[in-house]
Amino acid sequence: MTPPADKPTVFFDGSCPLCRAEIDLYRRQDGEQRLCFVDVSQTDAPPASGLTAGEAMARFHVREADGTLRSGAAAFVALWAHVPGWRWLARVARLPGVTAVLEGAYRLFLPVRPFLSRTFGRWQARRARRLRA
């Protein structure tokens, strides 16, 4: 299945519990109607033109409806612009210099993402067990 050309496509790592939780938040806030979400960790994921599988897994990407590919902080800004309740953050992020600061923070986050993801995944599993008990 190819993502629809009439709406932006969000490429995310669904194998990352932290990433999955964040994407689920956007989906619940009407993002499912406004965006196409592609879990690039799935072997049957639609190809992301212009991205290798490794690139798609390493960083967050959004392909705008016009075909523009955004990566990292710029991709988050593009996503926020389409999700009600997050548009204010996109406007703030578009102020001069803000996206560059966000990109710097994102680059600092990337090396610790695996650790944070494992920690978050363990916390979710413990919470689920407590709720079932």
C-alpha atoms as a PDB file:
ATOM      1  CA  MET A   1       0.000   0.000   0.000  1.00  0.00           C
ATOM      2  CA  THR A   2       1.328   3.430  -0.944  1.00  0.00           C
ATOM      3  CA  PRO A   3       0.645   6.426   1.340  1.00  0.00           C
ATOM      4  CA  PRO A   4      -1.978   8.798  -0.105  1.00  0.00           C
ATOM      5  CA  ALA A   5      -0.510  11.770  -1.941  1.00  0.00           C
ATOM      6  CA  ASP A   6      -3.123  14.221  -0.642  1.00  0.00           C
ATOM      7  CA  LYS A   7      -1.961  14.240   2.982  1.00  0.00           C
ATOM      8  CA  PRO A   8       1.374  14.349   4.770  1.00  0.00           C
ATOM      9  CA  THR A   9       3.008  11.037   5.663  1.00  0.00           C
ATOM     10  CA  VAL A  10       4.695  10.508   9.029  1.00  0.00           C
ATOM     11  CA  PHE A  11       7.467   7.890   9.051  1.00  0.00           C
ATOM     12  CA  PHE A  12       8.144   6.634  12.586  1.00  0.00           C
ATOM     13  CA  ASP A  13       9.863   3.759  14.395  1.00  0.00           C
ATOM     14  CA  GLY A  14       7.025   1.667  15.784  1.00  0.00           C
ATOM     15  CA  SER A  15       9.486  -0.700  17.473  1.00  0.00           C
ATOM     16  CA  CYS A  16      10.346   2.126  19.883  1.00  0.00           C
ATOM     17  CA  PRO A  17       7.813   2.218  22.769  1.00  0.00           C
ATOM     18  CA  LEU A  18       8.510   5.912  23.360  1.00  0.00           C
ATOM     19  CA  CYS A  19       8.013   6.783  19.680  1.00  0.00           C
ATOM     20  CA  ARG A  20       4.875   4.653  19.455  1.00  0.00           C
ATOM     21  CA  ALA A  21       3.366   6.365  22.521  1.00  0.00           C
ATOM     22  CA  GLU A  22       4.016   9.800  21.045  1.00  0.00           C
ATOM     23  CA  ILE A  23       2.513   8.857  17.675  1.00  0.00           C
ATOM     24  CA  ASP A  24      -0.528   7.376  19.450  1.00  0.00           C
ATOM     25  CA  LEU A  25      -1.003  10.733  21.173  1.00  0.00           C
ATOM     26  CA  TYR A  26      -1.071  12.555  17.832  1.00  0.00           C
ATOM     27  CA  ARG A  27      -3.396   9.953  16.329  1.00  0.00           C
ATOM     28  CA  ARG A  28      -5.915  10.391  19.154  1.00  0.00           C
ATOM     29  CA  GLN A  29      -5.953  14.135  18.565  1.00  0.00           C
ATOM     30  CA  ASP A  30      -7.447  13.892  15.080  1.00  0.00           C
ATOM     31  CA  GLY A  31      -4.061  13.201  13.499  1.00  0.00           C
ATOM     32  CA  GLU A  32      -5.400   9.950  12.056  1.00  0.00           C
ATOM     33  CA  GLN A  33      -7.748  11.983   9.843  1.00  0.00           C
ATOM     34  CA  ARG A  34      -5.140  14.532   8.761  1.00  0.00           C
ATOM     35  CA  LEU A  35      -2.006  12.432   8.373  1.00  0.00           C
ATOM     36  CA  CYS A  36      -0.880   9.055   7.087  1.00  0.00           C
ATOM     37  CA  PHE A  37       1.285   7.175   9.613  1.00  0.00           C
ATOM     38  CA  VAL A  38       3.847   4.626   8.422  1.00  0.00           C
ATOM     39  CA  ASP A  39       5.641   2.395  10.899  1.00  0.00           C
ATOM     40  CA  VAL A  40       9.022   1.970   9.200  1.00  0.00           C
ATOM     41  CA  SER A  41       9.965  -0.855  11.573  1.00  0.00           C
ATOM     42  CA  GLN A  42       7.480  -3.132   9.781  1.00  0.00           C
ATOM     43  CA  THR A  43       8.927  -5.191   6.937  1.00  0.00           C
ATOM     44  CA  ASP A  44       5.854  -4.503   4.795  1.00  0.00           C
ATOM     45  CA  ALA A  45       5.981  -0.716   5.340  1.00  0.00           C
ATOM     46  CA  PRO A  46       5.405   1.316   2.179  1.00  0.00           C
ATOM     47  CA  PRO A  47       8.675   2.562   0.730  1.00  0.00           C
ATOM     48  CA  ALA A  48       9.680   6.070   1.678  1.00  0.00           C
ATOM     49  CA  SER A  49      10.896   7.562  -1.584  1.00  0.00           C
ATOM     50  CA  GLY A  50      14.256   9.224  -1.055  1.00  0.00           C
ATOM     51  CA  LEU A  51      14.918   7.391   2.234  1.00  0.00           C
ATOM     52  CA  THR A  52      16.733   4.177   2.916  1.00  0.00           C
ATOM     53  CA  ALA A  53      15.297   1.878   5.593  1.00  0.00           C
ATOM     54  CA  GLY A  54      18.228   2.792   7.843  1.00  0.00           C
ATOM     55  CA  GLU A  55      17.661   6.528   7.417  1.00  0.00           C
ATOM     56  CA  ALA A  56      13.950   6.098   8.093  1.00  0.00           C
ATOM     57  CA  MET A  57      14.702   4.208  11.326  1.00  0.00           C
ATOM     58  CA  ALA A  58      17.449   6.577  12.494  1.00  0.00           C
ATOM     59  CA  ARG A  59      15.487   9.844  12.426  1.00  0.00           C
ATOM     60  CA  PHE A  60      11.909  11.056  12.407  1.00  0.00           C
ATOM     61  CA  HIS A  61      10.617  12.045   8.938  1.00  0.00           C
ATOM     62  CA  VAL A  62       7.513  13.656   7.462  1.00  0.00           C
ATOM     63  CA  ARG A  63       6.778  13.888   3.764  1.00  0.00           C
ATOM     64  CA  GLU A  64       4.505  16.855   3.083  1.00  0.00           C
ATOM     65  CA  ALA A  65       1.621  16.479   0.623  1.00  0.00           C
ATOM     66  CA  ASP A  66       3.687  18.488  -1.906  1.00  0.00           C
ATOM     67  CA  GLY A  67       6.494  15.894  -1.674  1.00  0.00           C
ATOM     68  CA  THR A  68       8.874  17.885   0.535  1.00  0.00           C
ATOM     69  CA  LEU A  69      10.716  15.546   2.910  1.00  0.00           C
ATOM     70  CA  ARG A  70      11.408  16.930   6.382  1.00  0.00           C
ATOM     71  CA  SER A  71      13.647  15.308   8.977  1.00  0.00           C
ATOM     72  CA  GLY A  72      14.298  15.717  12.700  1.00  0.00           C
ATOM     73  CA  ALA A  73      12.944  18.855  14.354  1.00  0.00           C
ATOM     74  CA  ALA A  74      11.621  20.214  11.049  1.00  0.00           C
ATOM     75  CA  ALA A  75       9.568  17.018  10.703  1.00  0.00           C
ATOM     76  CA  PHE A  76       8.073  17.500  14.167  1.00  0.00           C
ATOM     77  CA  VAL A  77       7.176  21.095  13.290  1.00  0.00           C
ATOM     78  CA  ALA A  78       5.462  19.863  10.111  1.00  0.00           C
ATOM     79  CA  LEU A  79       3.541  17.228  12.093  1.00  0.00           C
ATOM     80  CA  TRP A  80       2.486  19.704  14.808  1.00  0.00           C
ATOM     81  CA  ALA A  81       1.159  22.081  12.136  1.00  0.00           C
ATOM     82  CA  HIS A  82      -1.389  19.437  11.091  1.00  0.00           C
ATOM     83  CA  VAL A  83      -2.608  18.238  14.491  1.00  0.00           C
ATOM     84  CA  PRO A  84      -5.185  20.324  16.378  1.00  0.00           C
ATOM     85  CA  GLY A  85      -3.924  21.282  19.801  1.00  0.00           C
ATOM     86  CA  TRP A  86      -0.305  21.305  18.590  1.00  0.00           C
ATOM     87  CA  ARG A  87      -0.477  24.060  15.966  1.00  0.00           C
ATOM     88  CA  TRP A  88       0.518  26.666  18.545  1.00  0.00           C
ATOM     89  CA  LEU A  89       3.777  24.762  19.068  1.00  0.00           C
ATOM     90  CA  ALA A  90       4.421  24.730  15.313  1.00  0.00           C
ATOM     91  CA  ARG A  91       3.949  28.514  15.253  1.00  0.00           C
ATOM     92  CA  VAL A  92       6.410  28.952  18.136  1.00  0.00           C
ATOM     93  CA  ALA A  93       8.895  26.564  16.509  1.00  0.00           C
ATOM     94  CA  ARG A  94       8.811  28.610  13.313  1.00  0.00           C
ATOM     95  CA  LEU A  95      10.059  31.730  15.070  1.00  0.00           C
ATOM     96  CA  PRO A  96      13.594  32.639  13.970  1.00  0.00           C
ATOM     97  CA  GLY A  97      16.156  30.291  15.487  1.00  0.00           C
ATOM     98  CA  VAL A  98      13.705  28.063  17.378  1.00  0.00           C
ATOM     99  CA  THR A  99      13.737  25.139  14.937  1.00  0.00           C
ATOM    100  CA  ALA A 100      17.557  25.200  14.994  1.00  0.00           C
ATOM    101  CA  VAL A 101      17.519  24.960  18.802  1.00  0.00           C
ATOM    102  CA  LEU A 102      14.984  22.121  18.613  1.00  0.00           C
ATOM    103  CA  GLU A 103      17.187  20.329  16.070  1.00  0.00           C
ATOM    104  CA  GLY A 104      20.156  20.628  18.440  1.00  0.00           C
ATOM    105  CA  ALA A 105      18.066  19.154  21.255  1.00  0.00           C
ATOM    106  CA  TYR A 106      16.848  16.375  18.937  1.00  0.00           C
ATOM    107  CA  ARG A 107      20.433  15.478  18.015  1.00  0.00           C
ATOM    108  CA  LEU A 108      21.307  15.276  21.717  1.00  0.00           C
ATOM    109  CA  PHE A 109      18.261  13.055  22.278  1.00  0.00           C
ATOM    110  CA  LEU A 110      19.042  10.559  19.485  1.00  0.00           C
ATOM    111  CA  PRO A 111      21.996   8.806  21.192  1.00  0.00           C
ATOM    112  CA  VAL A 112      19.987   8.301  24.414  1.00  0.00           C
ATOM    113  CA  ARG A 113      16.774   7.296  22.636  1.00  0.00           C
ATOM    114  CA  PRO A 114      17.490   3.532  22.870  1.00  0.00           C
ATOM    115  CA  PHE A 115      18.023   3.757  26.632  1.00  0.00           C
ATOM    116  CA  LEU A 116      14.954   5.949  27.158  1.00  0.00           C
ATOM    117  CA  SER A 117      12.881   3.694  24.937  1.00  0.00           C
ATOM    118  CA  ARG A 118      13.882   0.549  26.869  1.00  0.00           C
ATOM    119  CA  THR A 119      13.213   2.294  30.182  1.00  0.00           C
ATOM    120  CA  PHE A 120       9.831   3.549  28.998  1.00  0.00           C
ATOM    121  CA  GLY A 121       8.954   0.099  27.616  1.00  0.00           C
ATOM    122  CA  ARG A 122       9.775  -1.547  30.955  1.00  0.00           C
ATOM    123  CA  TRP A 123       7.720   1.058  32.817  1.00  0.00           C
ATOM    124  CA  GLN A 124       4.762   0.422  30.480  1.00  0.00           C
ATOM    125  CA  ALA A 125       5.032  -3.341  30.995  1.00  0.00           C
ATOM    126  CA  ARG A 126       5.130  -2.973  34.812  1.00  0.00           C
ATOM    127  CA  ARG A 127       2.170  -0.599  34.706  1.00  0.00           C
ATOM    128  CA  ALA A 128       0.179  -3.012  32.525  1.00  0.00           C
ATOM    129  CA  ARG A 129       0.908  -5.891  34.923  1.00  0.00           C
ATOM    130  CA  ARG A 130      -0.244  -3.815  37.899  1.00  0.00           C
ATOM    131  CA  LEU A 131      -3.446  -2.832  36.112  1.00  0.00           C
ATOM    132  CA  ARG A 132      -4.211  -6.493  35.299  1.00  0.00           C
ATOM    133  CA  ALA A 133      -3.587  -7.599  38.903  1.00  0.00           C
END
